[in-house]
Amino acid sequence: MKRIVMLAAALVLVAPLHAQNVATVNGKAITQANVDQFVKLLVARGATDSAEMRDQIKQELINRQVMVQAAEAAGIPKDPTVAIELELARQGILVQALMADYLKKNPITDEAVKAEYEKLKKAEADKFEYNVRHILVEDEKTANEIQDKLKNKSAKFEDLAKQSKDTGSAAKGGELGWAPDTNYVEPFAKAVAATKKGQLADKPVQSQFGWHVIEVMDIRPVEFPPLDQVRKELEQMMREQALAAYQAQLRSKAKIQ
């Protein structure tokens, strides 16, 4: 019922003179066409058409009409705040309908989705992700001492990682798992990208979090997901891009002073 109430607030009632009335409220007609339009909206959103639902819609439209007439009689629409809200609601409905109409007339085709997928896949072809572990400490002196112990193999990385300020990775021997270098803050990312598989970074690096001793455990090419796995997200991204371009096109043609 709450869903019906919300949709009723957005429904614009237009009552043709020839339409069959299902009710009148103080002489104001609620037509069968109004009910049918509302049923169509609900069915499009997953509801099942039924006599019970139609009766709920009818009662809700009656309730709305009673309240709207009371608001109009009280001069509520003349209140500046209410007037602004009504106009914003009207604009919102029109904008949403315009965007839906544009996408209907300019659908995102399967060919376009495949082309965009191949474009993104190609852009990722020369990128890598790294299996990294680190030890985060407060000062450079401590970081250098840890670096020396690891180079001399006088201590194990996982043991030294217990003192790391990054308690989450410390519990896993300093491991951060697989990720592209772009996932990290810039000094850390540069050190990761410059370090070969199975080696420590040349020296500890400083970030806003402290000093990092870094080891790149493994490197592999970024595995791009199959199209079927990302199709929905890709289509949504393309729709958003198309609508943004459409809005920019309309704005560029408008005379704005």
C-alpha atoms as a PDB file:
ATOM      1  CA  MET A   1       0.000   0.000   0.000  1.00  0.00           C
ATOM      2  CA  LYS A   2       2.871   2.351   0.781  1.00  0.00           C
ATOM      3  CA  ARG A   3       4.153   1.827  -2.765  1.00  0.00           C
ATOM      4  CA  ILE A   4       0.764   2.834  -4.165  1.00  0.00           C
ATOM      5  CA  VAL A   5       0.715   5.968  -1.992  1.00  0.00           C
ATOM      6  CA  MET A   6       4.154   7.003  -3.255  1.00  0.00           C
ATOM      7  CA  LEU A   7       3.217   6.471  -6.884  1.00  0.00           C
ATOM      8  CA  ALA A   8      -0.046   8.348  -6.425  1.00  0.00           C
ATOM      9  CA  ALA A   9       1.882  11.443  -5.433  1.00  0.00           C
ATOM     10  CA  ALA A  10       3.625  11.451  -8.813  1.00  0.00           C
ATOM     11  CA  LEU A  11       0.624  10.536 -10.961  1.00  0.00           C
ATOM     12  CA  VAL A  12      -0.784  13.345 -13.063  1.00  0.00           C
ATOM     13  CA  LEU A  13      -4.520  12.837 -13.376  1.00  0.00           C
ATOM     14  CA  VAL A  14      -6.042  13.805 -16.688  1.00  0.00           C
ATOM     15  CA  ALA A  15      -9.754  13.036 -17.020  1.00  0.00           C
ATOM     16  CA  PRO A  16     -11.099  13.082 -20.582  1.00  0.00           C
ATOM     17  CA  LEU A  17     -14.766  14.034 -20.757  1.00  0.00           C
ATOM     18  CA  HIS A  18     -15.641  10.785 -22.481  1.00  0.00           C
ATOM     19  CA  ALA A  19     -13.857   8.572 -19.921  1.00  0.00           C
ATOM     20  CA  GLN A  20     -15.815   6.284 -17.649  1.00  0.00           C
ATOM     21  CA  ASN A  21     -15.778   7.483 -14.060  1.00  0.00           C
ATOM     22  CA  VAL A  22     -15.096   5.074 -11.220  1.00  0.00           C
ATOM     23  CA  ALA A  23     -15.824   7.757  -8.601  1.00  0.00           C
ATOM     24  CA  THR A  24     -16.340  11.475  -8.133  1.00  0.00           C
ATOM     25  CA  VAL A  25     -15.135  13.546  -5.217  1.00  0.00           C
ATOM     26  CA  ASN A  26     -17.091  16.760  -4.753  1.00  0.00           C
ATOM     27  CA  GLY A  27     -17.775  16.719  -8.468  1.00  0.00           C
ATOM     28  CA  LYS A  28     -14.170  15.950  -9.455  1.00  0.00           C
ATOM     29  CA  ALA A  29     -14.016  12.789 -11.557  1.00  0.00           C
ATOM     30  CA  ILE A  30     -11.658   9.879 -11.035  1.00  0.00           C
ATOM     31  CA  THR A  31     -11.780   7.927 -14.278  1.00  0.00           C
ATOM     32  CA  GLN A  32     -11.222   4.342 -15.253  1.00  0.00           C
ATOM     33  CA  ALA A  33      -8.357   5.644 -17.359  1.00  0.00           C
ATOM     34  CA  ASN A  34      -6.712   7.004 -14.188  1.00  0.00           C
ATOM     35  CA  VAL A  35      -6.937   3.591 -12.550  1.00  0.00           C
ATOM     36  CA  ASP A  36      -5.727   1.789 -15.675  1.00  0.00           C
ATOM     37  CA  GLN A  37      -2.754   4.132 -15.958  1.00  0.00           C
ATOM     38  CA  PHE A  38      -1.836   3.458 -12.365  1.00  0.00           C
ATOM     39  CA  VAL A  39      -2.178  -0.319 -12.859  1.00  0.00           C
ATOM     40  CA  LYS A  40       0.139  -0.065 -15.871  1.00  0.00           C
ATOM     41  CA  LEU A  41       2.766   1.719 -13.751  1.00  0.00           C
ATOM     42  CA  LEU A  42       2.613  -0.896 -11.012  1.00  0.00           C
ATOM     43  CA  VAL A  43       2.652  -3.870 -13.381  1.00  0.00           C
ATOM     44  CA  ALA A  44       5.712  -2.388 -15.124  1.00  0.00           C
ATOM     45  CA  ARG A  45       7.412  -2.415 -11.719  1.00  0.00           C
ATOM     46  CA  GLY A  46       6.626  -6.049 -10.997  1.00  0.00           C
ATOM     47  CA  ALA A  47       3.134  -6.002  -9.462  1.00  0.00           C
ATOM     48  CA  THR A  48       0.371  -8.398 -10.528  1.00  0.00           C
ATOM     49  CA  ASP A  49      -2.868  -6.950 -11.812  1.00  0.00           C
ATOM     50  CA  SER A  50      -5.774  -7.995  -9.601  1.00  0.00           C
ATOM     51  CA  ALA A  51      -9.202  -6.817  -8.481  1.00  0.00           C
ATOM     52  CA  GLU A  52      -7.805  -6.230  -4.990  1.00  0.00           C
ATOM     53  CA  MET A  53      -5.001  -4.024  -6.290  1.00  0.00           C
ATOM     54  CA  ARG A  54      -7.408  -2.069  -8.481  1.00  0.00           C
ATOM     55  CA  ASP A  55      -9.650  -1.415  -5.500  1.00  0.00           C
ATOM     56  CA  GLN A  56      -6.643  -0.246  -3.461  1.00  0.00           C
ATOM     57  CA  ILE A  57      -5.705   2.123  -6.254  1.00  0.00           C
ATOM     58  CA  LYS A  58      -9.244   3.451  -6.494  1.00  0.00           C
ATOM     59  CA  GLN A  59      -9.416   4.101  -2.748  1.00  0.00           C
ATOM     60  CA  GLU A  60      -6.022   5.763  -2.743  1.00  0.00           C
ATOM     61  CA  LEU A  61      -6.977   8.057  -5.621  1.00  0.00           C
ATOM     62  CA  ILE A  62     -10.142   9.006  -3.754  1.00  0.00           C
ATOM     63  CA  ASN A  63      -8.160   9.716  -0.585  1.00  0.00           C
ATOM     64  CA  ARG A  64      -5.675  11.787  -2.558  1.00  0.00           C
ATOM     65  CA  GLN A  65      -8.404  13.792  -4.232  1.00  0.00           C
ATOM     66  CA  VAL A  66     -10.072  14.498  -0.877  1.00  0.00           C
ATOM     67  CA  MET A  67      -6.789  15.726   0.595  1.00  0.00           C
ATOM     68  CA  VAL A  68      -5.810  17.730  -2.492  1.00  0.00           C
ATOM     69  CA  GLN A  69      -9.154  19.519  -2.514  1.00  0.00           C
ATOM     70  CA  ALA A  70      -8.754  20.319   1.186  1.00  0.00           C
ATOM     71  CA  ALA A  71      -5.242  21.665   0.566  1.00  0.00           C
ATOM     72  CA  GLU A  72      -6.455  23.830  -2.309  1.00  0.00           C
ATOM     73  CA  ALA A  73      -9.358  25.157  -0.252  1.00  0.00           C
ATOM     74  CA  ALA A  74      -6.891  26.086   2.504  1.00  0.00           C
ATOM     75  CA  GLY A  75      -4.698  27.985   0.039  1.00  0.00           C
ATOM     76  CA  ILE A  76      -1.771  25.613   0.570  1.00  0.00           C
ATOM     77  CA  PRO A  77      -0.574  25.766  -3.072  1.00  0.00           C
ATOM     78  CA  LYS A  78      -0.058  29.515  -2.663  1.00  0.00           C
ATOM     79  CA  ASP A  79       2.506  28.998   0.087  1.00  0.00           C
ATOM     80  CA  PRO A  80       5.901  29.929  -1.462  1.00  0.00           C
ATOM     81  CA  THR A  81       7.661  26.857  -0.068  1.00  0.00           C
ATOM     82  CA  VAL A  82       4.939  24.524  -1.290  1.00  0.00           C
ATOM     83  CA  ALA A  83       4.905  26.232  -4.688  1.00  0.00           C
ATOM     84  CA  ILE A  84       8.646  25.682  -5.062  1.00  0.00           C
ATOM     85  CA  GLU A  85       8.346  22.028  -4.041  1.00  0.00           C
ATOM     86  CA  LEU A  86       5.523  21.501  -6.527  1.00  0.00           C
ATOM     87  CA  GLU A  87       7.573  23.058  -9.308  1.00  0.00           C
ATOM     88  CA  LEU A  88      10.645  21.012  -8.416  1.00  0.00           C
ATOM     89  CA  ALA A  89       8.544  17.837  -8.404  1.00  0.00           C
ATOM     90  CA  ARG A  90       7.103  18.743 -11.801  1.00  0.00           C
ATOM     91  CA  GLN A  91      10.575  19.418 -13.175  1.00  0.00           C
ATOM     92  CA  GLY A  92      11.886  16.169 -11.744  1.00  0.00           C
ATOM     93  CA  ILE A  93       9.135  14.146 -13.400  1.00  0.00           C
ATOM     94  CA  LEU A  94       9.690  15.888 -16.734  1.00  0.00           C
ATOM     95  CA  VAL A  95      13.469  15.416 -16.621  1.00  0.00           C
ATOM     96  CA  GLN A  96      13.111  11.742 -15.733  1.00  0.00           C
ATOM     97  CA  ALA A  97      10.611  11.235 -18.552  1.00  0.00           C
ATOM     98  CA  LEU A  98      12.859  13.101 -21.002  1.00  0.00           C
ATOM     99  CA  MET A  99      15.842  10.917 -20.123  1.00  0.00           C
ATOM    100  CA  ALA A 100      13.764   7.748 -20.434  1.00  0.00           C
ATOM    101  CA  ASP A 101      12.503   8.923 -23.812  1.00  0.00           C
ATOM    102  CA  TYR A 102      16.051   9.645 -24.996  1.00  0.00           C
ATOM    103  CA  LEU A 103      17.287   6.191 -23.985  1.00  0.00           C
ATOM    104  CA  LYS A 104      14.275   4.594 -25.667  1.00  0.00           C
ATOM    105  CA  LYS A 105      15.067   6.392 -28.917  1.00  0.00           C
ATOM    106  CA  ASN A 106      18.830   5.893 -28.534  1.00  0.00           C
ATOM    107  CA  PRO A 107      19.253   2.471 -26.929  1.00  0.00           C
ATOM    108  CA  ILE A 108      22.599   1.063 -25.876  1.00  0.00           C
ATOM    109  CA  THR A 109      23.100  -1.667 -28.455  1.00  0.00           C
ATOM    110  CA  ASP A 110      24.828  -4.978 -27.906  1.00  0.00           C
ATOM    111  CA  GLU A 111      27.409  -3.982 -30.529  1.00  0.00           C
ATOM    112  CA  ALA A 112      28.185  -0.782 -28.622  1.00  0.00           C
ATOM    113  CA  VAL A 113      28.563  -2.706 -25.357  1.00  0.00           C
ATOM    114  CA  LYS A 114      30.975  -5.181 -26.969  1.00  0.00           C
ATOM    115  CA  ALA A 115      33.005  -2.360 -28.521  1.00  0.00           C
ATOM    116  CA  GLU A 116      33.273  -0.527 -25.187  1.00  0.00           C
ATOM    117  CA  TYR A 117      34.238  -3.768 -23.453  1.00  0.00           C
ATOM    118  CA  GLU A 118      37.059  -4.413 -25.932  1.00  0.00           C
ATOM    119  CA  LYS A 119      38.229  -0.810 -25.538  1.00  0.00           C
ATOM    120  CA  LEU A 120      38.421  -1.115 -21.754  1.00  0.00           C
ATOM    121  CA  LYS A 121      40.011  -4.545 -21.988  1.00  0.00           C
ATOM    122  CA  LYS A 122      42.707  -3.227 -24.313  1.00  0.00           C
ATOM    123  CA  ALA A 123      43.416  -0.319 -21.947  1.00  0.00           C
ATOM    124  CA  GLU A 124      44.077  -2.824 -19.143  1.00  0.00           C
ATOM    125  CA  ALA A 125      46.161  -5.199 -21.274  1.00  0.00           C
ATOM    126  CA  ASP A 126      49.553  -3.837 -20.177  1.00  0.00           C
ATOM    127  CA  LYS A 127      48.673  -3.407 -16.516  1.00  0.00           C
ATOM    128  CA  PHE A 128      49.695  -5.596 -13.613  1.00  0.00           C
ATOM    129  CA  GLU A 129      48.629  -6.340 -10.090  1.00  0.00           C
ATOM    130  CA  TYR A 130      50.941  -7.080  -7.218  1.00  0.00           C
ATOM    131  CA  ASN A 131      50.892  -9.348  -4.203  1.00  0.00           C
ATOM    132  CA  VAL A 132      52.504  -7.082  -1.626  1.00  0.00           C
ATOM    133  CA  ARG A 133      53.376  -7.156   2.031  1.00  0.00           C
ATOM    134  CA  HIS A 134      54.667  -4.306   4.147  1.00  0.00           C
ATOM    135  CA  ILE A 135      55.649  -3.233   7.605  1.00  0.00           C
ATOM    136  CA  LEU A 136      54.502   0.210   8.707  1.00  0.00           C
ATOM    137  CA  VAL A 137      56.443   2.011  11.449  1.00  0.00           C
ATOM    138  CA  GLU A 138      56.538   5.508  12.880  1.00  0.00           C
ATOM    139  CA  ASP A 139      60.052   6.665  11.968  1.00  0.00           C
ATOM    140  CA  GLU A 140      62.709   6.244   9.287  1.00  0.00           C
ATOM    141  CA  LYS A 141      65.344   4.883  11.684  1.00  0.00           C
ATOM    142  CA  THR A 142      63.155   1.931  12.686  1.00  0.00           C
ATOM    143  CA  ALA A 143      62.236   1.306   9.057  1.00  0.00           C
ATOM    144  CA  ASN A 144      65.891   1.204   8.018  1.00  0.00           C
ATOM    145  CA  GLU A 145      66.705  -1.212  10.840  1.00  0.00           C
ATOM    146  CA  ILE A 146      63.930  -3.547   9.661  1.00  0.00           C
ATOM    147  CA  GLN A 147      65.092  -3.203   6.055  1.00  0.00           C
ATOM    148  CA  ASP A 148      68.654  -4.196   7.053  1.00  0.00           C
ATOM    149  CA  LYS A 149      67.465  -7.243   9.007  1.00  0.00           C
ATOM    150  CA  LEU A 150      65.469  -8.441   6.004  1.00  0.00           C
ATOM    151  CA  LYS A 151      68.348  -7.878   3.588  1.00  0.00           C
ATOM    152  CA  ASN A 152      70.725  -9.748   5.909  1.00  0.00           C
ATOM    153  CA  LYS A 153      68.099 -12.467   6.405  1.00  0.00           C
ATOM    154  CA  SER A 154      68.586 -12.205  10.148  1.00  0.00           C
ATOM    155  CA  ALA A 155      64.810 -12.098  10.707  1.00  0.00           C
ATOM    156  CA  LYS A 156      61.661 -13.251   8.949  1.00  0.00           C
ATOM    157  CA  PHE A 157      59.317 -10.740   7.398  1.00  0.00           C
ATOM    158  CA  GLU A 158      56.239 -12.198   9.109  1.00  0.00           C
ATOM    159  CA  ASP A 159      57.923 -11.946  12.506  1.00  0.00           C
ATOM    160  CA  LEU A 160      58.989  -8.328  12.030  1.00  0.00           C
ATOM    161  CA  ALA A 161      55.508  -7.501  10.692  1.00  0.00           C
ATOM    162  CA  LYS A 162      54.081  -8.049  14.161  1.00  0.00           C
ATOM    163  CA  GLN A 163      55.347  -4.581  15.137  1.00  0.00           C
ATOM    164  CA  SER A 164      53.600  -2.932  12.161  1.00  0.00           C
ATOM    165  CA  LYS A 165      51.252  -0.025  12.854  1.00  0.00           C
ATOM    166  CA  ASP A 166      48.951  -1.543  10.226  1.00  0.00           C
ATOM    167  CA  THR A 167      47.372  -4.042  12.587  1.00  0.00           C
ATOM    168  CA  GLY A 168      45.156  -5.514   9.889  1.00  0.00           C
ATOM    169  CA  SER A 169      48.050  -6.676   7.725  1.00  0.00           C
ATOM    170  CA  ALA A 170      50.311  -7.335  10.728  1.00  0.00           C
ATOM    171  CA  ALA A 171      48.060 -10.219  11.726  1.00  0.00           C
ATOM    172  CA  LYS A 172      48.670 -11.732   8.251  1.00  0.00           C
ATOM    173  CA  GLY A 173      52.441 -11.365   8.228  1.00  0.00           C
ATOM    174  CA  GLY A 174      52.214  -7.943   6.611  1.00  0.00           C
ATOM    175  CA  GLU A 175      50.330  -9.230   3.540  1.00  0.00           C
ATOM    176  CA  LEU A 176      48.030  -6.827   1.691  1.00  0.00           C
ATOM    177  CA  GLY A 177      46.924  -9.290  -0.982  1.00  0.00           C
ATOM    178  CA  TRP A 178      46.592  -8.765  -4.714  1.00  0.00           C
ATOM    179  CA  ALA A 179      45.923  -5.261  -6.046  1.00  0.00           C
ATOM    180  CA  PRO A 180      47.084  -2.919  -8.809  1.00  0.00           C
ATOM    181  CA  ASP A 181      49.676  -0.367  -7.729  1.00  0.00           C
ATOM    182  CA  THR A 182      47.096   2.384  -8.314  1.00  0.00           C
ATOM    183  CA  ASN A 183      45.248   1.162  -5.226  1.00  0.00           C
ATOM    184  CA  TYR A 184      47.983   2.590  -3.023  1.00  0.00           C
ATOM    185  CA  VAL A 185      49.040   6.109  -2.078  1.00  0.00           C
ATOM    186  CA  GLU A 186      51.564   7.597  -4.516  1.00  0.00           C
ATOM    187  CA  PRO A 187      54.924   6.989  -2.743  1.00  0.00           C
ATOM    188  CA  PHE A 188      53.903   3.421  -1.935  1.00  0.00           C
ATOM    189  CA  ALA A 189      52.582   2.817  -5.468  1.00  0.00           C
ATOM    190  CA  LYS A 190      55.786   4.048  -7.098  1.00  0.00           C
ATOM    191  CA  ALA A 191      57.885   1.779  -4.921  1.00  0.00           C
ATOM    192  CA  VAL A 192      55.709  -1.232  -5.711  1.00  0.00           C
ATOM    193  CA  ALA A 193      55.811  -0.596  -9.483  1.00  0.00           C
ATOM    194  CA  ALA A 194      59.615  -0.221  -9.397  1.00  0.00           C
ATOM    195  CA  THR A 195      60.256  -3.426  -7.433  1.00  0.00           C
ATOM    196  CA  LYS A 196      60.806  -6.830  -9.044  1.00  0.00           C
ATOM    197  CA  LYS A 197      59.023  -9.994  -8.048  1.00  0.00           C
ATOM    198  CA  GLY A 198      60.338 -11.535  -4.836  1.00  0.00           C
ATOM    199  CA  GLN A 199      62.350  -8.482  -3.824  1.00  0.00           C
ATOM    200  CA  LEU A 200      62.258  -5.737  -1.249  1.00  0.00           C
ATOM    201  CA  ALA A 201      61.848  -2.156  -2.390  1.00  0.00           C
ATOM    202  CA  ASP A 202      65.262  -0.417  -2.558  1.00  0.00           C
ATOM    203  CA  LYS A 203      64.564   1.511   0.618  1.00  0.00           C
ATOM    204  CA  PRO A 204      61.696   2.327   2.987  1.00  0.00           C
ATOM    205  CA  VAL A 205      59.235   4.905   1.674  1.00  0.00           C
ATOM    206  CA  GLN A 206      57.312   7.538   3.567  1.00  0.00           C
ATOM    207  CA  SER A 207      53.598   8.236   3.213  1.00  0.00           C
ATOM    208  CA  GLN A 208      51.124  10.166   5.323  1.00  0.00           C
ATOM    209  CA  PHE A 209      50.727   6.997   7.407  1.00  0.00           C
ATOM    210  CA  GLY A 210      54.383   6.553   8.336  1.00  0.00           C
ATOM    211  CA  TRP A 211      57.355   4.631   6.942  1.00  0.00           C
ATOM    212  CA  HIS A 212      56.836   1.456   4.891  1.00  0.00           C
ATOM    213  CA  VAL A 213      59.161  -1.465   4.364  1.00  0.00           C
ATOM    214  CA  ILE A 214      57.803  -3.110   1.206  1.00  0.00           C
ATOM    215  CA  GLU A 215      58.223  -6.506  -0.409  1.00  0.00           C
ATOM    216  CA  VAL A 216      56.630  -7.483  -3.729  1.00  0.00           C
ATOM    217  CA  MET A 217      55.899 -11.184  -3.368  1.00  0.00           C
ATOM    218  CA  ASP A 218      54.451 -11.786  -6.833  1.00  0.00           C
ATOM    219  CA  ILE A 219      53.329 -10.003 -10.011  1.00  0.00           C
ATOM    220  CA  ARG A 220      50.719 -10.990 -12.598  1.00  0.00           C
ATOM    221  CA  PRO A 221      48.848  -9.327 -15.484  1.00  0.00           C
ATOM    222  CA  VAL A 222      45.486  -7.842 -14.578  1.00  0.00           C
ATOM    223  CA  GLU A 223      42.817 -10.436 -15.345  1.00  0.00           C
ATOM    224  CA  PHE A 224      39.967  -8.681 -17.116  1.00  0.00           C
ATOM    225  CA  PRO A 225      36.549 -10.162 -16.233  1.00  0.00           C
ATOM    226  CA  PRO A 226      34.463 -11.777 -19.006  1.00  0.00           C
ATOM    227  CA  LEU A 227      31.832  -9.625 -20.697  1.00  0.00           C
ATOM    228  CA  ASP A 228      28.866 -11.538 -19.276  1.00  0.00           C
ATOM    229  CA  GLN A 229      30.132 -10.845 -15.767  1.00  0.00           C
ATOM    230  CA  VAL A 230      30.307  -7.074 -16.202  1.00  0.00           C
ATOM    231  CA  ARG A 231      27.637  -6.481 -18.855  1.00  0.00           C
ATOM    232  CA  LYS A 232      25.045  -4.910 -16.510  1.00  0.00           C
ATOM    233  CA  GLU A 233      27.548  -2.522 -14.923  1.00  0.00           C
ATOM    234  CA  LEU A 234      28.953  -1.626 -18.339  1.00  0.00           C
ATOM    235  CA  GLU A 235      25.505  -0.941 -19.800  1.00  0.00           C
ATOM    236  CA  GLN A 236      24.638   1.257 -16.803  1.00  0.00           C
ATOM    237  CA  MET A 237      27.890   3.190 -17.179  1.00  0.00           C
ATOM    238  CA  MET A 238      27.202   3.708 -20.890  1.00  0.00           C
ATOM    239  CA  ARG A 239      23.650   4.891 -20.204  1.00  0.00           C
ATOM    240  CA  GLU A 240      24.939   7.400 -17.671  1.00  0.00           C
ATOM    241  CA  GLN A 241      27.569   8.622 -20.120  1.00  0.00           C
ATOM    242  CA  ALA A 242      24.973   8.937 -22.898  1.00  0.00           C
ATOM    243  CA  LEU A 243      22.622  10.933 -20.677  1.00  0.00           C
ATOM    244  CA  ALA A 244      25.441  13.198 -19.499  1.00  0.00           C
ATOM    245  CA  ALA A 245      26.415  13.869 -23.117  1.00  0.00           C
ATOM    246  CA  TYR A 246      22.778  14.551 -24.018  1.00  0.00           C
ATOM    247  CA  GLN A 247      22.417  17.003 -21.144  1.00  0.00           C
ATOM    248  CA  ALA A 248      25.646  18.753 -22.159  1.00  0.00           C
ATOM    249  CA  GLN A 249      24.392  18.963 -25.751  1.00  0.00           C
ATOM    250  CA  LEU A 250      21.095  20.531 -24.670  1.00  0.00           C
ATOM    251  CA  ARG A 251      22.892  22.992 -22.415  1.00  0.00           C
ATOM    252  CA  SER A 252      25.327  23.997 -25.177  1.00  0.00           C
ATOM    253  CA  LYS A 253      22.396  24.879 -27.417  1.00  0.00           C
ATOM    254  CA  ALA A 254      20.530  26.832 -24.751  1.00  0.00           C
ATOM    255  CA  LYS A 255      20.803  30.621 -24.562  1.00  0.00           C
ATOM    256  CA  ILE A 256      22.051  31.194 -21.012  1.00  0.00           C
ATOM    257  CA  GLN A 257      22.650  34.769 -19.878  1.00  0.00           C
END
